[in-house]
Amino acid sequence: MESSHRTKLAAQFGASLRGKRIVSLDIPDDYEYMQPALVELLLARVPKHLPPRR
């Protein structure tokens, strides 16, 4: 999701999203499904937004 996607979500579903956390990873929509470069980006960016593993 890019920042523009987050903005569109907020505009369309603002009331439903109030109080919810929306994370934009700022990854452009230029990748194919499971493309290695995309997987690398996700592995680098997603963990810092998840709670620590126990």
Protein backbone atom coordinates (compact mmCIF):
# COMPACT_ATOMS: atom_id res chain seq x y z
CA MET A 1 0.00 0.00 0.00
CA GLU A 2 1.20 3.46 -0.85
CA SER A 3 0.27 6.64 1.02
CA SER A 4 -2.27 7.51 -1.68
CA HIS A 5 -4.08 4.22 -0.99
CA ARG A 6 -4.29 5.06 2.71
CA THR A 7 -5.74 8.47 1.85
CA LYS A 8 -8.39 6.89 -0.38
CA LEU A 9 -9.32 4.38 2.32
CA ALA A 10 -9.69 7.14 4.88
CA ALA A 11 -11.87 9.19 2.51
CA GLN A 12 -14.16 6.28 1.68
CA PHE A 13 -14.31 4.47 5.03
CA GLY A 14 -13.29 7.18 7.49
CA ALA A 15 -16.01 6.49 10.07
CA SER A 16 -15.34 2.74 10.06
CA LEU A 17 -11.59 3.22 10.36
CA ARG A 18 -11.70 5.77 13.18
CA GLY A 19 -9.46 4.55 15.96
CA LYS A 20 -7.91 1.86 13.75
CA ARG A 21 -4.28 1.77 12.75
CA ILE A 22 -3.55 1.79 9.02
CA VAL A 23 0.03 1.13 8.01
CA SER A 24 1.39 2.18 4.65
CA LEU A 25 4.57 0.36 3.69
CA ASP A 26 5.14 2.76 0.78
CA ILE A 27 5.75 -0.07 -1.66
CA PRO A 28 4.77 0.86 -5.21
CA ASP A 29 2.28 -1.35 -7.00
CA ASP A 30 4.90 -2.39 -9.57
CA TYR A 31 5.52 -6.00 -8.53
CA GLU A 32 4.14 -9.33 -9.63
CA TYR A 33 2.75 -11.76 -7.05
CA MET A 34 5.58 -13.20 -4.92
CA GLN A 35 8.27 -11.47 -7.00
CA PRO A 36 11.54 -11.91 -5.06
CA ALA A 37 12.18 -8.16 -4.83
CA LEU A 38 8.69 -7.65 -3.35
CA VAL A 39 9.20 -10.45 -0.84
CA GLU A 40 12.47 -8.83 0.26
CA LEU A 41 10.75 -5.48 0.77
CA LEU A 42 7.95 -7.07 2.77
CA LEU A 43 10.37 -9.01 4.97
CA ALA A 44 12.24 -5.78 5.67
CA ARG A 45 9.24 -3.51 6.33
CA VAL A 46 6.45 -5.58 7.86
CA PRO A 47 8.07 -6.92 11.07
CA LYS A 48 8.52 -3.47 12.63
CA HIS A 49 4.73 -3.00 12.49
CA LEU A 50 3.89 -6.31 14.17
CA PRO A 51 3.93 -7.03 17.90
CA PRO A 52 7.03 -8.86 19.13
CA ARG A 53 6.90 -12.64 18.90
CA ARG A 54 6.77 -14.51 22.17
